[in-house]
Protein backbone atom coordinates (compact mmCIF):
# COMPACT_ATOMS: atom_id res chain seq x y z
CA UNK A 1 53.83 -6.98 30.01
CA UNK A 2 53.38 -10.87 30.24
CA UNK A 3 52.02 -12.50 27.29
CA UNK A 4 49.52 -14.41 28.92
CA UNK A 5 48.09 -11.20 30.17
CA UNK A 6 47.89 -10.07 26.69
CA UNK A 7 46.19 -13.39 25.73
CA UNK A 8 43.65 -12.86 28.36
CA UNK A 9 43.09 -9.48 27.05
CA UNK A 10 42.49 -10.47 23.65
CA UNK A 11 39.93 -12.99 24.72
CA UNK A 12 37.84 -10.34 26.79
CA UNK A 13 38.15 -7.93 23.63
CA UNK A 14 36.97 -10.96 21.43
CA UNK A 15 33.89 -11.45 23.57
CA UNK A 16 33.10 -7.74 23.72
CA UNK A 17 33.25 -7.50 20.13
CA UNK A 18 30.89 -10.62 19.43
CA UNK A 19 28.46 -8.93 21.73
CA UNK A 20 28.40 -5.73 20.18
CA UNK A 21 28.14 -7.13 16.33
CA UNK A 22 24.97 -8.90 17.97
CA UNK A 23 23.50 -5.70 19.41
CA UNK A 24 24.18 -3.85 16.06
CA UNK A 25 22.77 -6.27 13.57
CA UNK A 26 19.35 -7.22 15.40
CA UNK A 27 19.09 -3.79 17.08
CA UNK A 28 15.94 -1.80 15.55
CA UNK A 29 14.69 1.70 16.12
CA UNK A 30 11.48 1.88 17.86
CA UNK A 31 8.51 2.93 15.66
CA UNK A 32 6.65 5.84 16.80
CA UNK A 33 2.86 5.85 15.59
CA UNK A 34 1.72 9.43 15.90
CA UNK A 35 -2.24 9.28 16.45
CA UNK A 36 -4.04 12.30 14.82
CA UNK A 37 -7.14 13.36 16.53
CA UNK A 38 -10.14 13.10 14.21
CA UNK A 39 -12.12 16.21 14.33
CA UNK A 40 -15.80 15.61 13.83
CA UNK A 41 -16.91 17.03 10.40
CA UNK A 42 -20.07 19.10 10.17
CA UNK A 43 -22.75 18.24 7.86
CA UNK A 44 -22.31 21.01 5.82
CA UNK A 45 -18.58 20.43 5.18
CA UNK A 46 -19.23 16.68 4.29
CA UNK A 47 -22.31 17.86 1.81
CA UNK A 48 -19.95 20.41 0.10
CA UNK A 49 -17.06 18.13 -0.08
CA UNK A 50 -19.56 15.12 -1.94
CA UNK A 51 -21.45 17.51 -3.97
CA UNK A 52 -19.67 20.86 -4.89
CA UNK A 53 -16.07 20.75 -4.04
CA UNK A 54 -14.89 19.20 -7.59
CA UNK A 55 -16.11 22.48 -9.15
CA UNK A 56 -16.41 25.24 -6.45
CA UNK A 57 -14.35 26.80 -3.94
CA UNK A 58 -15.87 28.49 -0.96
CA UNK A 59 -13.90 31.99 -1.58
CA UNK A 60 -12.22 31.77 -5.06
CA UNK A 61 -13.60 31.24 -8.57
CA UNK A 62 -12.66 27.76 -10.23
CA UNK A 63 -14.35 25.92 -12.52
CA UNK A 64 -17.54 27.50 -10.94
CA UNK A 65 -17.99 30.65 -9.10
CA UNK A 66 -16.95 30.99 -5.65
CA UNK A 67 -19.63 29.79 -3.05
CA UNK A 68 -19.12 32.12 -0.06
CA UNK A 69 -21.96 34.74 -0.10
CA UNK A 70 -23.87 33.12 -2.96
CA UNK A 71 -26.94 32.88 -1.33
CA UNK A 72 -27.17 36.42 -0.10
CA UNK A 73 -26.56 37.45 -3.55
CA UNK A 74 -29.55 35.34 -4.83
CA UNK A 75 -31.66 37.11 -1.72
CA UNK A 76 -30.21 40.45 -2.60
CA UNK A 77 -31.89 40.13 -6.33
CA UNK A 78 -35.14 38.98 -4.76
CA UNK A 79 -34.74 35.42 -5.87
CA UNK A 80 -33.60 34.06 -2.51
CA UNK A 81 -36.17 30.85 -2.93
CA UNK A 82 -34.92 30.28 -6.57
CA UNK A 83 -31.41 29.38 -5.74
CA UNK A 84 -32.88 26.05 -4.23
CA UNK A 85 -34.32 25.32 -7.54
CA UNK A 86 -30.78 26.23 -9.41
CA UNK A 87 -29.24 23.60 -7.08
CA UNK A 88 -31.66 20.75 -7.87
CA UNK A 89 -31.64 21.63 -11.70
CA UNK A 90 -29.79 24.62 -13.23
CA UNK A 91 -30.96 23.81 -16.90
CA UNK A 92 -34.55 23.76 -16.02
CA UNK A 93 -34.40 27.05 -14.19
CA UNK A 94 -32.35 28.64 -16.67
CA UNK A 95 -34.61 27.77 -19.51
CA UNK A 96 -37.59 28.98 -17.47
CA UNK A 97 -36.69 32.48 -18.19
CA UNK A 98 -37.89 33.49 -14.44
CA UNK A 99 -34.53 33.81 -13.08
CA UNK A 100 -32.16 36.58 -13.73
CA UNK A 101 -29.37 35.14 -11.43
CA UNK A 102 -29.60 31.73 -13.29
CA UNK A 103 -28.77 33.39 -16.61
CA UNK A 104 -25.68 35.29 -15.53
CA UNK A 105 -24.31 32.49 -13.80
CA UNK A 106 -24.87 30.16 -16.70
CA UNK A 107 -22.68 32.37 -18.72
CA UNK A 108 -19.59 31.92 -16.35
CA UNK A 109 -18.15 29.25 -17.78
CA UNK A 110 -19.25 26.53 -20.77
CA UNK A 111 -19.24 23.77 -18.42
CA UNK A 112 -22.79 23.13 -17.34
CA UNK A 113 -23.45 22.56 -13.57
CA UNK A 114 -24.63 19.23 -12.73
CA UNK A 115 -27.90 18.91 -10.75
CA UNK A 116 -27.68 18.14 -7.28
CA UNK A 117 -30.17 16.16 -5.50
CA UNK A 118 -30.21 18.35 -2.12
CA UNK A 119 -33.04 19.05 0.03
CA UNK A 120 -33.62 22.52 1.05
CA UNK A 121 -32.05 21.75 4.63
CA UNK A 122 -29.23 20.25 3.10
CA UNK A 123 -28.39 23.09 0.49
CA UNK A 124 -28.95 25.49 3.72
CA UNK A 125 -26.06 23.65 5.34
CA UNK A 126 -23.83 23.84 2.66
CA UNK A 127 -24.39 27.69 2.40
CA UNK A 128 -23.88 28.09 6.15
CA UNK A 129 -20.51 26.09 5.70
CA UNK A 130 -19.11 27.99 2.79
CA UNK A 131 -20.20 31.47 4.46
CA UNK A 132 -18.40 30.56 7.67
CA UNK A 133 -15.35 29.03 5.79
CA UNK A 134 -11.72 30.58 6.28
CA UNK A 135 -9.02 29.20 3.87
CA UNK A 136 -6.40 27.38 5.72
CA UNK A 137 -2.85 27.91 5.76
CA UNK A 138 -1.08 25.33 3.21
CA UNK A 139 2.02 23.90 4.83
CA UNK A 140 5.02 23.13 2.49
CA UNK A 141 4.60 19.50 3.35
CA UNK A 142 0.91 19.24 2.14
CA UNK A 143 1.57 21.34 -1.09
CA UNK A 144 4.70 19.48 -2.05
CA UNK A 145 4.50 17.11 -4.79
CA UNK A 146 7.33 14.91 -4.11
CA UNK A 147 7.09 11.49 -2.02
CA UNK A 148 8.36 11.29 1.21
CA UNK A 149 11.28 9.01 1.24
CA UNK A 150 12.46 7.37 4.35
CA UNK A 151 16.10 7.42 5.42
CA UNK A 152 17.30 3.85 5.57
CA UNK A 153 21.17 4.77 5.66
CA UNK A 154 21.44 3.92 9.29
CA UNK A 155 20.95 0.33 8.28
CA UNK A 156 23.45 0.11 5.84
CA UNK A 157 25.87 1.68 8.41
CA UNK A 158 25.20 -0.66 10.94
CA UNK A 159 26.08 -3.58 8.10
CA UNK A 160 29.24 -1.68 7.27
CA UNK A 161 30.16 -1.60 11.05
CA UNK A 162 29.28 -5.25 11.28
CA UNK A 163 31.33 -6.16 8.36
CA UNK A 164 34.27 -4.22 9.83
CA UNK A 165 33.83 -6.07 13.43
CA UNK A 166 34.08 -9.28 11.27
CA UNK A 167 37.47 -8.06 10.18
CA UNK A 168 38.36 -7.42 13.52
CA UNK A 169 37.57 -10.81 14.87
CA UNK A 170 39.72 -12.56 12.54
CA UNK A 171 42.35 -10.24 13.03
CA UNK A 172 41.96 -10.89 16.68
CA UNK A 173 42.03 -14.61 16.24
CA UNK A 174 45.08 -14.72 14.26
CA UNK A 175 46.74 -12.51 16.87
CA UNK A 176 45.54 -14.93 19.72
CA UNK A 177 47.11 -17.88 17.55
CA UNK A 178 50.27 -16.23 17.55
CA UNK A 179 50.30 -15.26 20.93
CA UNK A 180 49.61 -18.97 21.84
CA UNK A 181 52.62 -20.07 19.90
CA UNK A 182 55.20 -17.39 21.80
CA UNK A 183 53.60 -18.35 25.37
CA UNK A 184 54.08 -22.23 24.55
CA UNK A 185 57.49 -21.37 23.36
CA UNK A 186 58.13 -19.35 26.18
CA UNK A 187 56.96 -21.68 28.96
CA UNK A 188 59.02 -24.66 26.73
CA UNK A 189 55.78 -26.48 26.06
CA UNK A 190 55.78 -28.79 23.17
CA UNK A 191 55.02 -26.40 20.00
CA UNK A 192 52.18 -27.50 18.01
CA UNK A 193 52.03 -27.26 14.17
CA UNK A 194 50.92 -23.33 13.11
CA UNK A 195 47.74 -24.60 11.65
CA UNK A 196 45.44 -22.33 9.72
CA UNK A 197 42.00 -20.99 10.75
CA UNK A 198 40.54 -23.52 8.60
CA UNK A 199 42.09 -26.42 10.03
CA UNK A 200 41.41 -25.28 13.82
CA UNK A 201 37.94 -25.01 12.78
CA UNK A 202 37.83 -28.35 11.53
CA UNK A 203 39.47 -29.58 14.54
CA UNK A 204 37.08 -28.12 16.98
CA UNK A 205 33.80 -29.27 15.19
CA UNK A 206 35.42 -32.98 14.87
CA UNK A 207 35.92 -32.44 19.04
CA UNK A 208 32.54 -30.68 19.35
CA UNK A 209 30.55 -32.91 17.08
CA UNK A 210 27.12 -32.32 18.94
CA UNK A 211 27.40 -28.79 18.92
CA UNK A 212 28.23 -28.62 15.74
CA UNK A 213 25.53 -30.72 14.09
CA UNK A 214 22.84 -28.51 16.66
CA UNK A 215 24.36 -25.27 15.03
CA UNK A 216 24.07 -26.84 11.55
CA UNK A 217 20.31 -27.52 12.18
CA UNK A 218 19.44 -24.12 13.69
CA UNK A 219 20.91 -22.85 10.56
CA UNK A 220 19.01 -24.70 8.26
CA UNK A 221 15.61 -24.51 10.25
CA UNK A 222 16.20 -20.51 10.25
CA UNK A 223 17.58 -20.25 6.79
CA UNK A 224 14.35 -22.30 5.39
CA UNK A 225 12.16 -20.05 7.14
CA UNK A 226 13.85 -17.00 5.95
CA UNK A 227 13.72 -18.54 2.41
CA UNK A 228 9.99 -18.91 2.52
CA UNK A 229 9.57 -15.76 3.99
CA UNK A 230 11.05 -13.73 1.17
CA UNK A 231 9.17 -16.20 -1.30
CA UNK A 232 5.98 -14.83 0.05
CA UNK A 233 7.12 -11.56 -0.80
CA UNK A 234 7.47 -11.93 -4.15
CA UNK A 235 4.88 -9.51 -5.97
CA UNK A 236 4.30 -7.70 -2.73
CA UNK A 237 4.73 -4.03 -3.31
CA UNK A 238 3.64 -2.28 -0.03
CA UNK A 239 5.01 1.26 0.21
CA UNK A 240 5.62 1.53 -3.62
CA UNK A 241 5.58 4.93 -4.96
CA UNK A 242 6.77 5.60 -8.28
CA UNK A 243 7.87 8.70 -9.60
CA UNK A 244 5.84 11.03 -11.72
CA UNK A 245 6.21 13.49 -14.33
CA UNK A 246 4.22 16.14 -12.38
CA UNK A 247 4.68 16.65 -8.85
CA UNK A 248 1.26 15.92 -8.06
CA UNK A 249 -0.21 16.26 -4.30
CA UNK A 250 -3.10 14.13 -3.04
CA UNK A 251 -2.61 15.67 0.45
CA UNK A 252 -3.37 19.31 -1.29
CA UNK A 253 -6.19 18.26 -3.70
CA UNK A 254 -7.98 15.56 -2.07
CA UNK A 255 -6.97 16.61 1.76
CA UNK A 256 -6.70 20.32 2.15
CA UNK A 257 -9.11 21.17 -1.08
CA UNK A 258 -11.45 18.13 -0.51
CA UNK A 259 -11.81 17.11 -4.10
CA UNK A 260 -13.64 13.61 -4.10
CA UNK A 261 -11.49 10.67 -5.30
CA UNK A 262 -14.22 9.83 -8.10
CA UNK A 263 -14.11 13.22 -9.68
CA UNK A 264 -10.58 12.47 -11.16
CA UNK A 265 -10.86 8.98 -10.93
CA UNK A 266 -14.47 9.32 -12.70
CA UNK A 267 -14.61 5.74 -14.03
CA UNK A 268 -14.24 3.85 -10.78
CA UNK A 269 -17.96 3.24 -10.35
CA UNK A 270 -18.42 2.50 -14.14
CA UNK A 271 -15.67 0.44 -15.34
CA UNK A 272 -13.28 -2.26 -14.37
CA UNK A 273 -10.33 0.33 -14.07
CA UNK A 274 -10.58 3.51 -11.94
CA UNK A 275 -8.74 5.30 -14.75
CA UNK A 276 -6.33 8.04 -14.70
CA UNK A 277 -7.66 11.39 -15.11
CA UNK A 278 -7.59 12.98 -18.74
CA UNK A 279 -5.85 16.39 -19.04
CA UNK A 280 -9.23 17.97 -19.58
CA UNK A 281 -10.26 16.92 -16.27
CA UNK A 282 -7.20 18.74 -14.77
CA UNK A 283 -7.95 21.79 -16.81
CA UNK A 284 -11.61 22.25 -15.23
CA UNK A 285 -9.53 23.69 -12.50
CA UNK A 286 -6.25 24.62 -13.99
CA UNK A 287 -8.03 27.10 -16.60
CA UNK A 288 -8.40 29.35 -13.51
CA UNK A 289 -5.64 28.28 -11.06
CA UNK A 290 -2.18 28.95 -12.53
CA UNK A 291 -0.18 28.90 -9.72
CA UNK A 292 0.48 26.25 -6.76
CA UNK A 293 1.16 27.18 -3.30
CA UNK A 294 4.99 25.82 -3.30
CA UNK A 295 5.83 24.76 -6.77
CA UNK A 296 4.44 28.11 -8.24
CA UNK A 297 3.98 28.15 -11.95
CA UNK A 298 6.36 25.46 -12.53
CA UNK A 299 4.19 22.42 -12.36
CA UNK A 300 1.16 23.70 -13.51
CA UNK A 301 3.02 24.95 -16.38
CA UNK A 302 3.46 21.24 -17.75
CA UNK A 303 -0.28 20.57 -17.50
CA UNK A 304 -1.17 23.61 -19.54
CA UNK A 305 1.63 22.64 -22.01
CA UNK A 306 -0.12 19.29 -22.40
CA UNK A 307 -3.35 20.78 -22.74
CA UNK A 308 -2.16 23.36 -25.36
CA UNK A 309 -3.35 26.16 -23.22
CA UNK A 310 -1.75 29.47 -23.05
CA UNK A 311 -2.16 31.01 -19.82
CA UNK A 312 -1.37 34.60 -20.82
CA UNK A 313 -4.50 34.75 -23.21
CA UNK A 314 -6.38 32.48 -20.97
CA UNK A 315 -7.21 30.38 -24.27
CA UNK A 316 -6.20 27.34 -26.16
CA UNK A 317 -3.17 27.48 -28.84
CA UNK A 318 -5.16 27.12 -32.25
CA UNK A 319 -4.03 26.63 -35.78
CA UNK A 320 -5.13 28.48 -38.68
CA UNK A 321 -8.44 26.37 -38.83
CA UNK A 322 -9.18 27.56 -35.29
CA UNK A 323 -8.50 23.82 -34.28
CA UNK A 324 -6.80 23.34 -30.77
CA UNK A 325 -3.25 22.39 -30.76
CA UNK A 326 -2.27 19.89 -27.90
CA UNK A 327 1.07 19.10 -26.57
CA UNK A 328 2.47 15.68 -25.70
CA UNK A 329 0.28 13.80 -23.68
CA UNK A 330 1.35 13.01 -20.01
CA UNK A 331 2.58 9.63 -19.26
CA UNK A 332 2.10 8.80 -15.73
CA UNK A 333 3.72 6.10 -14.10
CA UNK A 334 1.47 2.84 -12.71
CA UNK A 335 1.70 2.32 -8.91
CA UNK A 336 -0.87 -0.61 -8.17
CA UNK A 337 -0.23 -3.66 -10.65
CA UNK A 338 -2.12 -6.85 -10.55
CA UNK A 339 -1.22 -10.31 -12.09
CA UNK A 340 -2.56 -10.76 -15.60
CA UNK A 341 -4.59 -13.83 -14.47
CA UNK A 342 -6.47 -12.03 -11.88
CA UNK A 343 -9.74 -10.14 -12.87
CA UNK A 344 -10.66 -7.15 -10.62
CA UNK A 345 -13.37 -4.93 -11.13
CA UNK A 346 -13.50 -1.27 -9.79
CA UNK A 347 -17.39 -0.86 -10.13
CA UNK A 348 -18.23 -4.13 -8.72
CA UNK A 349 -16.44 -2.98 -5.41
CA UNK A 350 -17.03 0.61 -5.37
CA UNK A 351 -20.40 1.41 -7.10
CA UNK A 352 -23.24 2.15 -4.50
CA UNK A 353 -25.22 -0.41 -5.42
CA UNK A 354 -22.84 -3.02 -5.20
CA UNK A 355 -19.98 -3.33 -3.02
CA UNK A 356 -19.85 0.17 -2.07
CA UNK A 357 -16.55 -0.05 -0.49
CA UNK A 358 -14.97 2.96 0.35
CA UNK A 359 -11.57 3.78 -1.82
CA UNK A 360 -9.78 3.94 1.45
CA UNK A 361 -10.25 0.44 2.15
CA UNK A 362 -7.98 -0.69 -0.38
CA UNK A 363 -5.70 2.66 -0.91
CA UNK A 364 -5.48 3.69 2.62
CA UNK A 365 -5.77 7.32 4.01
CA UNK A 366 -5.14 8.82 0.50
CA UNK A 367 -5.61 12.56 1.91
CA UNK A 368 -2.27 12.05 3.63
CA UNK A 369 -0.26 11.13 0.42
CA UNK A 370 1.44 13.33 -1.98
CA UNK A 371 2.43 10.99 -5.22
CA UNK A 372 -0.01 7.96 -5.50
CA UNK A 373 1.19 4.88 -3.61
CA UNK A 374 0.66 1.43 -2.49
CA UNK A 375 -0.24 1.43 0.76
CA UNK A 376 0.34 -1.23 3.43
CA UNK A 377 -1.84 -3.40 5.56
CA UNK A 378 -0.62 -1.95 8.92
CA UNK A 379 -1.11 1.74 7.89
CA UNK A 380 -4.98 0.81 6.79
CA UNK A 381 -5.47 -1.11 9.96
CA UNK A 382 -4.33 2.18 11.93
CA UNK A 383 -6.73 4.16 9.74
CA UNK A 384 -9.45 1.78 10.14
CA UNK A 385 -9.19 2.33 14.16
CA UNK A 386 -9.86 6.03 13.68
CA UNK A 387 -13.35 7.59 14.21
CA UNK A 388 -13.17 8.50 10.41
CA UNK A 389 -12.27 5.05 9.31
CA UNK A 390 -14.95 3.29 11.43
CA UNK A 391 -17.45 5.78 9.87
CA UNK A 392 -16.27 4.80 6.08
CA UNK A 393 -16.66 0.99 7.04
CA UNK A 394 -12.99 0.30 6.99
CA UNK A 395 -12.07 -3.33 8.19
CA UNK A 396 -8.90 -4.57 9.53
CA UNK A 397 -7.07 -7.20 7.63
CA UNK A 398 -3.92 -8.92 8.51
CA UNK A 399 -2.52 -10.32 5.03
CA UNK A 400 -0.29 -8.23 2.64
CA UNK A 401 -1.78 -5.81 0.45
CA UNK A 402 -3.25 -6.95 -2.73
CA UNK A 403 -2.35 -10.65 -2.47
CA UNK A 404 -5.03 -13.43 -2.75
CA UNK A 405 -5.14 -14.16 0.81
CA UNK A 406 -5.86 -10.36 1.33
CA UNK A 407 -8.85 -10.58 -0.89
CA UNK A 408 -9.61 -14.01 0.35
CA UNK A 409 -9.79 -12.24 4.00
CA UNK A 410 -11.60 -9.35 2.81
CA UNK A 411 -14.56 -11.39 1.42
CA UNK A 412 -14.70 -13.74 4.63
CA UNK A 413 -15.13 -10.64 6.90
CA UNK A 414 -16.80 -7.85 4.62
CA UNK A 415 -20.36 -7.63 5.97
CA UNK A 416 -23.03 -6.93 3.34
CA UNK A 417 -26.24 -4.92 4.15
CA UNK A 418 -29.13 -6.87 2.46
CA UNK A 419 -31.56 -3.87 2.84
CA UNK A 420 -28.92 -1.30 1.20
CA UNK A 421 -30.09 -1.61 -2.40
CA UNK A 422 -33.07 -3.58 -4.29
CA UNK A 423 -30.02 -5.77 -5.74
CA UNK A 424 -29.35 -7.12 -2.24
CA UNK A 425 -33.02 -7.19 -1.48
CA UNK A 426 -33.49 -9.68 -4.25
CA UNK A 427 -30.31 -11.56 -3.13
CA UNK A 428 -31.76 -12.00 0.00
CA UNK A 429 -35.33 -13.34 -1.17
CA UNK A 430 -33.19 -15.84 -3.24
CA UNK A 431 -31.15 -16.86 -0.30
CA UNK A 432 -34.22 -17.60 1.60
CA UNK A 433 -34.80 -20.63 -0.59
CA UNK A 434 -31.30 -21.96 0.29
CA UNK A 435 -31.71 -23.71 3.70
CA UNK A 436 -27.90 -24.77 3.69
CA UNK A 437 -26.69 -20.89 3.37
CA UNK A 438 -29.61 -19.53 5.71
CA UNK A 439 -28.68 -21.95 8.32
CA UNK A 440 -24.84 -20.16 8.36
CA UNK A 441 -26.57 -16.51 8.05
CA UNK A 442 -28.85 -17.34 11.17
CA UNK A 443 -25.81 -18.41 13.20
CA UNK A 444 -23.59 -15.48 13.05
CA UNK A 445 -26.65 -12.93 12.08
CA UNK A 446 -24.67 -11.55 9.49
CA UNK A 447 -24.08 -12.26 5.50
CA UNK A 448 -20.51 -11.79 4.27
CA UNK A 449 -19.20 -11.66 0.26
CA UNK A 450 -18.18 -15.41 0.95
CA UNK A 451 -21.51 -16.58 1.61
CA UNK A 452 -22.68 -14.53 -1.70
CA UNK A 453 -19.84 -16.47 -3.70
CA UNK A 454 -17.13 -14.38 -3.10
CA UNK A 455 -14.86 -17.39 -2.49
CA UNK A 456 -15.53 -19.11 -5.72
CA UNK A 457 -12.38 -19.59 -7.76
CA UNK A 458 -14.02 -18.42 -11.28
CA UNK A 459 -14.99 -15.03 -9.52
CA UNK A 460 -11.50 -13.68 -10.06
CA UNK A 461 -9.60 -16.63 -12.33
CA UNK A 462 -11.73 -17.61 -15.46
C-alpha cells in the first residue's frame, strides 16, 4: 500500500469526522406538540366545580355528603322545594325548624356549609350533573405525585461523542504529519523540521491572516451574543419543579376531582400571597379519604401524622386534658420566587373586583401538573390557543415568565372591561376628564393596564 494513498485516505476520514461532529453538536430532536381536544363543559359541571367540588363529591362522602341522588331524597321526604332554600342559606333553613332533612345534614359534619348564591335553575343543573356523573378511572400518571422529569441524557451522550471525535481529529492530524514526513523522505524531497501542531497552526494563521481575522471576529460576535443571552437567563427559572415532602398531584385534585385553586390557596383573593394550604384544609377531605389511587395510604398517612389524626379511631390524638396533639408541620419547598425588590399582590390581580385574572395566566394549565412547578411562556401560549384558554381570557406573551419584561408586556396587552365592576365604572368616569388618556382610548377602542398606570415604576418598586 502506497503511503500517498494512506495520506489521501486520512484526509477523507478527517473531513468526514468534522462533518459528523457538526451534525452531532447542532442536531436537535424535533418537538412533538400534542394538541388535546378541549371538550365543552356543561353548565352543571362548571357550577359544581365552582361552588360544590371543594367539599362534595358526586358519588362518595367527603367533607360534605355525596350529592348523587340528593335531590330525590329531599323529594321523597316531601321537601323537594326546600332543598333550594338549603343551598342558598343552610343555617337559616336549619334554624327555621321546618325541615327534617336540614337537621339530618347539619349533623353530618361540624364544618358548616357555605351559602351558595345559586338560582333554582342553576341548582337543578348541578343536581342533573351529579345524578348523571360516573366516576372516572384515574390513571397511574394522573394520580402519581412525582414530577415528570425529562430525560436529557441524550444531549450528554452527543457531547461525549463529540469529545471523543475531537481526540480522533488530533490523532489523525498527528498521523497525517508523520505520513507527510515519510512521503517526503521516500520521494527524496527536502525534509522540513518536525514542527509541533501549535507551530503549524501559527504558521497557517500567518499565511492566511485575513481568514484568521474573519474567524476571530465571528467567534467574538458569537461569543458576545451567547454571553448576553445567558446573562438574560439569570434569575429565570422556567420549568423549575422542586421536590416536596408529600407526593401531591395537582392533576388528581384540581384536574380529575375539580377542586378550585382558591379552595386550597384561599388567601389569593385577599392577600399579597396566595398562601400554602394549612394541614387543616387538607384534613377537610382526608378525614374521610384515607387512601390514594396509586400511593395508597403512604402519602395521606403523612398528612394524618402532621395533623395528629388517628385514622383507626377516626379522631385526633388528644392528651390527658383532651387537647389535640399535633405532629411536626409539613415543610413545603417554594417553587415561585420573585426578587426582594419587587412588590406583587395576588389580591390585586386575582380578586373579581380588580384584575380578575385567571390563575392559569401566570401558572399555566395547573390541572395537568403533578407537583407544583414554574410553567413556561411557550406552554402558557399553547394553552391560550385552546378553547378553554380563550374562555378564561389567557393572552399570549413573549417574554420569559416572571421577568420584568413579561409583566410590562402583560400590562400593555391585557384589556380592562370598564363595565365589569363599580370600581372600574368609577375609574371610567374619572378617565373621561383626562383628554390625553381618552384620546388613546378612542384610538384603539380599548383600555389596557398600562393606561391605568400599570407602567409606573412605583407600582412594583417603591
